[in-house]
Amino acid sequence: MSSHLYKIPLFGFMVKVMGHFPVWFLKIADKYYKTDPEKMKVTEARVDAHVARGGILSLFPEAQINRTEPTPHNLQPFRYGTFKRALQDDAKIWNLVMFGHEKVWPATVGLASNPARIGSALYPVTPAGARAFVEAIKAEGGTETGKEDFVILTEAAQAAMQGHYNALREAIEGSGSAWNGRVQPESTSPTVGSQGETGASQASPAQPTPKGTSLDGL
């Protein structure tokens, strides 16, 4: 989480207690990000220790609030850092998608104020590890020759997550008041994916239909 958020009264205390790791930026401008290399060494050391203890990391590959208008139904480009880390640790990635939050708390307003139906769904992505996942894509000719592994993983993750988000959106918007909290994937083809908020590539074993959760209210 961006280090400047730790300065917000109460909120900053909450994110520390929750276990977030600070990301130290030198500059943020028009989707351009430059981190402070010295301060990030401290954060990376803490992350390494957390992973070595068997800890789980929750990463946000878009790296910012999706302000796409009129509603953020298309994912922003994923940043490579998340997936470099996944390959470094040969991570078993799970993909968390959520829908409806842009109605409850639009990016252009200061406080959440709108009642809406929201939902979430969790998908396994690389059950055998990130490295085996990428090798399977390359073995099946599912990417350009010479492309780096972290780029392959990033692109496959974004394509699959977009499909997962679309399926969740359709399940909620198309269900009226009868949604039972289950999401049927758009395709029965094998899909690949990642972790984040909002097609599909074919390269991994078919994923089971995930169970979702629904909350009606603010």
Protein backbone atom coordinates (compact mmCIF):
# COMPACT_ATOMS: atom_id res chain seq x y z
CA MET A 1 0.00 0.00 0.00
CA SER A 2 1.28 3.48 -0.86
CA SER A 3 3.18 4.89 2.11
CA HIS A 4 1.31 8.21 2.04
CA LEU A 5 -1.89 6.40 3.14
CA TYR A 6 -0.26 5.55 6.46
CA LYS A 7 -0.42 9.25 7.36
CA ILE A 8 -4.23 9.36 7.31
CA PRO A 9 -5.62 9.50 10.88
CA LEU A 10 -7.19 6.22 12.03
CA PHE A 11 -6.94 4.69 8.55
CA GLY A 12 -3.15 4.64 8.78
CA PHE A 13 -3.35 2.83 12.11
CA MET A 14 -5.81 0.32 10.68
CA VAL A 15 -3.64 -0.64 7.71
CA LYS A 16 -0.63 -1.15 9.98
CA VAL A 17 -2.64 -3.45 12.26
CA MET A 18 -3.95 -5.34 9.22
CA GLY A 19 -0.39 -6.09 8.13
CA HIS A 20 -0.04 -4.04 4.94
CA PHE A 21 3.47 -3.40 3.63
CA PRO A 22 4.31 0.20 2.61
CA VAL A 23 5.30 0.99 -0.98
CA TRP A 24 7.54 4.06 -1.02
CA PHE A 25 7.05 6.22 -4.10
CA LEU A 26 9.30 9.04 -5.23
CA LYS A 27 6.88 10.10 -7.94
CA ILE A 28 3.33 9.29 -9.04
CA ALA A 29 2.10 11.13 -12.13
CA ASP A 30 -0.26 10.09 -14.94
CA LYS A 31 0.17 6.36 -14.32
CA TYR A 32 3.94 6.77 -13.95
CA TYR A 33 5.38 5.29 -10.78
CA LYS A 34 8.91 5.54 -9.44
CA THR A 35 9.74 3.95 -6.09
CA ASP A 36 12.42 4.89 -3.58
CA PRO A 37 14.99 2.07 -3.97
CA GLU A 38 16.55 2.46 -0.52
CA LYS A 39 13.26 2.47 1.40
CA MET A 40 11.92 -0.37 -0.73
CA LYS A 41 14.87 -2.56 0.34
CA VAL A 42 13.45 -2.44 3.88
CA THR A 43 9.95 -3.33 2.66
CA GLU A 44 11.28 -6.16 0.48
CA ALA A 45 13.21 -7.61 3.42
CA ARG A 46 10.03 -7.63 5.51
CA VAL A 47 8.11 -9.28 2.67
CA ASP A 48 10.83 -11.92 2.25
CA ALA A 49 10.66 -12.74 5.97
CA HIS A 50 6.86 -12.95 5.83
CA VAL A 51 6.94 -15.36 2.89
CA ALA A 52 9.69 -17.45 4.50
CA ARG A 53 7.41 -17.95 7.50
CA GLY A 54 4.72 -19.32 5.20
CA GLY A 55 2.78 -16.06 5.01
CA ILE A 56 0.33 -15.18 2.24
CA LEU A 57 0.63 -12.02 0.12
CA SER A 58 -2.35 -10.11 -1.26
CA LEU A 59 -1.22 -7.94 -4.18
CA PHE A 60 -3.11 -5.37 -6.24
CA PRO A 61 -1.76 -5.66 -9.81
CA GLU A 62 -3.45 -2.50 -11.14
CA ALA A 63 -1.62 -0.52 -8.43
CA GLN A 64 -4.27 2.20 -8.29
CA ILE A 65 -8.00 2.89 -8.12
CA ASN A 66 -9.72 2.14 -11.40
CA ARG A 67 -11.26 5.45 -12.49
CA THR A 68 -12.40 4.28 -15.92
CA GLU A 69 -15.63 6.05 -16.88
CA PRO A 70 -18.54 5.61 -16.79
CA THR A 71 -17.87 2.50 -14.69
CA PRO A 72 -14.60 0.61 -14.20
CA HIS A 73 -15.50 -2.65 -15.90
CA ASN A 74 -12.24 -2.93 -17.83
CA LEU A 75 -9.08 -3.72 -15.93
CA GLN A 76 -6.21 -1.29 -16.13
CA PRO A 77 -2.84 -2.68 -17.29
CA PHE A 78 -1.29 -4.96 -14.69
CA ARG A 79 2.11 -3.94 -13.42
CA TYR A 80 4.91 -6.47 -13.73
CA GLY A 81 6.18 -6.35 -10.16
CA THR A 82 3.38 -8.56 -8.81
CA PHE A 83 4.18 -11.33 -11.27
CA LYS A 84 7.95 -11.09 -10.98
CA ARG A 85 7.41 -11.75 -7.29
CA ALA A 86 5.08 -14.67 -8.06
CA LEU A 87 7.73 -16.29 -10.26
CA GLN A 88 10.48 -15.61 -7.73
CA ASP A 89 8.53 -17.51 -5.04
CA ASP A 90 6.89 -19.96 -7.48
CA ALA A 91 3.63 -18.83 -5.91
CA LYS A 92 0.29 -20.59 -6.00
CA ILE A 93 -1.84 -17.67 -7.17
CA TRP A 94 -5.52 -17.20 -6.38
CA ASN A 95 -7.63 -14.67 -8.22
CA LEU A 96 -10.05 -12.50 -6.20
CA VAL A 97 -12.54 -10.46 -8.22
CA MET A 98 -15.19 -8.10 -6.86
CA PHE A 99 -18.10 -6.30 -8.46
CA GLY A 100 -20.41 -3.47 -7.39
CA HIS A 101 -18.06 -1.41 -5.25
CA GLU A 102 -17.96 1.38 -7.83
CA LYS A 103 -21.68 1.86 -7.18
CA VAL A 104 -21.35 1.93 -3.40
CA TRP A 105 -18.32 4.23 -3.41
CA PRO A 106 -17.65 5.94 -6.77
CA ALA A 107 -14.04 7.03 -7.27
CA THR A 108 -15.17 10.65 -7.73
CA VAL A 109 -16.81 11.05 -4.29
CA GLY A 110 -15.27 11.38 -0.84
CA LEU A 111 -17.48 8.95 1.12
CA ALA A 112 -19.42 5.79 0.37
CA SER A 113 -23.11 6.62 0.23
CA ASN A 114 -25.02 4.45 -2.25
CA PRO A 115 -26.86 1.19 -1.55
CA ALA A 116 -25.96 -1.52 -4.08
CA ARG A 117 -25.57 -5.22 -4.55
CA ILE A 118 -21.95 -6.33 -4.43
CA GLY A 119 -20.30 -9.67 -4.87
CA SER A 120 -16.94 -11.43 -4.91
CA ALA A 121 -15.52 -14.71 -6.19
CA LEU A 122 -12.25 -16.55 -5.63
CA TYR A 123 -10.57 -18.66 -8.33
CA PRO A 124 -7.43 -20.85 -8.20
CA VAL A 125 -4.98 -19.81 -10.92
CA THR A 126 -1.62 -21.57 -10.58
CA PRO A 127 -2.28 -24.61 -8.37
CA ALA A 128 1.03 -26.18 -9.41
CA GLY A 129 2.99 -22.93 -9.05
CA ALA A 130 3.62 -19.91 -11.26
CA ARG A 131 6.63 -21.39 -13.04
CA ALA A 132 4.85 -24.55 -14.18
CA PHE A 133 1.93 -22.41 -15.30
CA VAL A 134 4.16 -20.30 -17.57
CA GLU A 135 5.95 -23.37 -18.93
CA ALA A 136 2.58 -24.90 -19.85
CA ILE A 137 1.65 -21.78 -21.81
CA LYS A 138 4.96 -21.83 -23.69
CA ALA A 139 4.71 -25.57 -24.38
CA GLU A 140 1.31 -25.11 -25.99
CA GLY A 141 2.50 -22.20 -28.13
CA GLY A 142 0.25 -19.77 -26.33
CA THR A 143 2.69 -16.84 -26.44
CA GLU A 144 5.23 -15.08 -28.65
CA THR A 145 8.73 -16.53 -28.87
CA GLY A 146 11.27 -14.65 -26.78
CA LYS A 147 8.80 -13.02 -24.41
CA GLU A 148 9.98 -12.96 -20.80
CA ASP A 149 8.24 -15.24 -18.32
CA PHE A 150 6.95 -12.43 -16.11
CA VAL A 151 5.35 -10.77 -19.16
CA ILE A 152 3.68 -14.04 -20.15
CA LEU A 153 2.31 -14.49 -16.64
CA THR A 154 1.12 -10.89 -16.41
CA GLU A 155 -0.72 -10.95 -19.73
CA ALA A 156 -2.33 -14.33 -19.10
CA ALA A 157 -3.41 -13.23 -15.64
CA GLN A 158 -5.04 -10.05 -16.87
CA ALA A 159 -6.91 -11.77 -19.71
CA ALA A 160 -8.28 -14.43 -17.37
CA MET A 161 -9.18 -12.00 -14.61
CA GLN A 162 -11.14 -9.88 -17.05
CA GLY A 163 -13.10 -13.00 -17.98
CA HIS A 164 -13.69 -13.86 -14.32
CA TYR A 165 -14.87 -10.33 -13.59
CA ASN A 166 -17.23 -10.40 -16.56
CA ALA A 167 -18.70 -13.71 -15.35
CA LEU A 168 -19.24 -12.32 -11.85
CA ARG A 169 -20.84 -9.17 -13.23
CA GLU A 170 -23.20 -11.19 -15.41
CA ALA A 171 -24.11 -13.46 -12.48
CA ILE A 172 -25.09 -10.49 -10.31
CA GLU A 173 -26.67 -8.13 -12.84
CA GLY A 174 -28.50 -10.92 -14.62
CA SER A 175 -29.89 -12.53 -11.49
CA GLY A 176 -32.11 -9.80 -10.08
CA SER A 177 -32.86 -10.72 -6.47
CA ALA A 178 -32.41 -14.45 -7.03
CA TRP A 179 -28.61 -14.71 -7.17
CA ASN A 180 -27.56 -17.71 -5.09
CA GLY A 181 -23.93 -16.68 -4.66
CA ARG A 182 -22.54 -19.02 -7.31
CA VAL A 183 -20.68 -17.90 -10.43
CA GLN A 184 -20.66 -19.95 -13.62
CA PRO A 185 -17.51 -19.19 -15.66
CA GLU A 186 -18.13 -17.75 -19.13
CA SER A 187 -16.48 -20.72 -20.84
CA THR A 188 -15.89 -24.36 -20.04
CA SER A 189 -12.44 -24.05 -21.65
CA PRO A 190 -9.42 -24.14 -19.35
CA THR A 191 -8.56 -20.64 -18.16
CA VAL A 192 -5.59 -18.89 -16.62
CA GLY A 193 -5.65 -15.91 -14.28
CA SER A 194 -4.43 -13.84 -11.28
CA GLN A 195 -5.57 -11.71 -8.36
CA GLY A 196 -7.35 -8.34 -8.43
CA GLU A 197 -10.64 -6.62 -9.25
CA THR A 198 -12.18 -6.78 -12.73
CA GLY A 199 -11.35 -13.33 -23.43
CA ALA A 200 -10.08 -16.01 -21.47
CA SER A 201 -6.74 -17.65 -22.22
CA GLN A 202 -6.42 -21.40 -22.50
CA ALA A 203 -3.46 -23.02 -20.84
CA SER A 204 -4.15 -24.61 -17.47
CA PRO A 205 -6.39 -27.33 -16.06
CA ALA A 206 -10.04 -26.32 -15.95
CA GLN A 207 -10.93 -24.48 -12.77
CA PRO A 208 -13.90 -25.46 -10.58
CA THR A 209 -16.87 -23.15 -10.32
CA PRO A 210 -16.15 -20.83 -7.37
CA LYS A 211 -18.55 -19.91 -4.63
CA GLY A 212 -19.25 -16.18 -4.27
CA THR A 213 -20.65 -14.02 -1.53
CA SER A 214 -23.31 -11.35 -1.76
CA LEU A 215 -23.93 -8.34 0.47
CA ASP A 216 -26.94 -6.06 0.04
CA GLY A 217 -26.57 -2.67 1.66
CA LEU A 218 -24.16 0.25 1.95
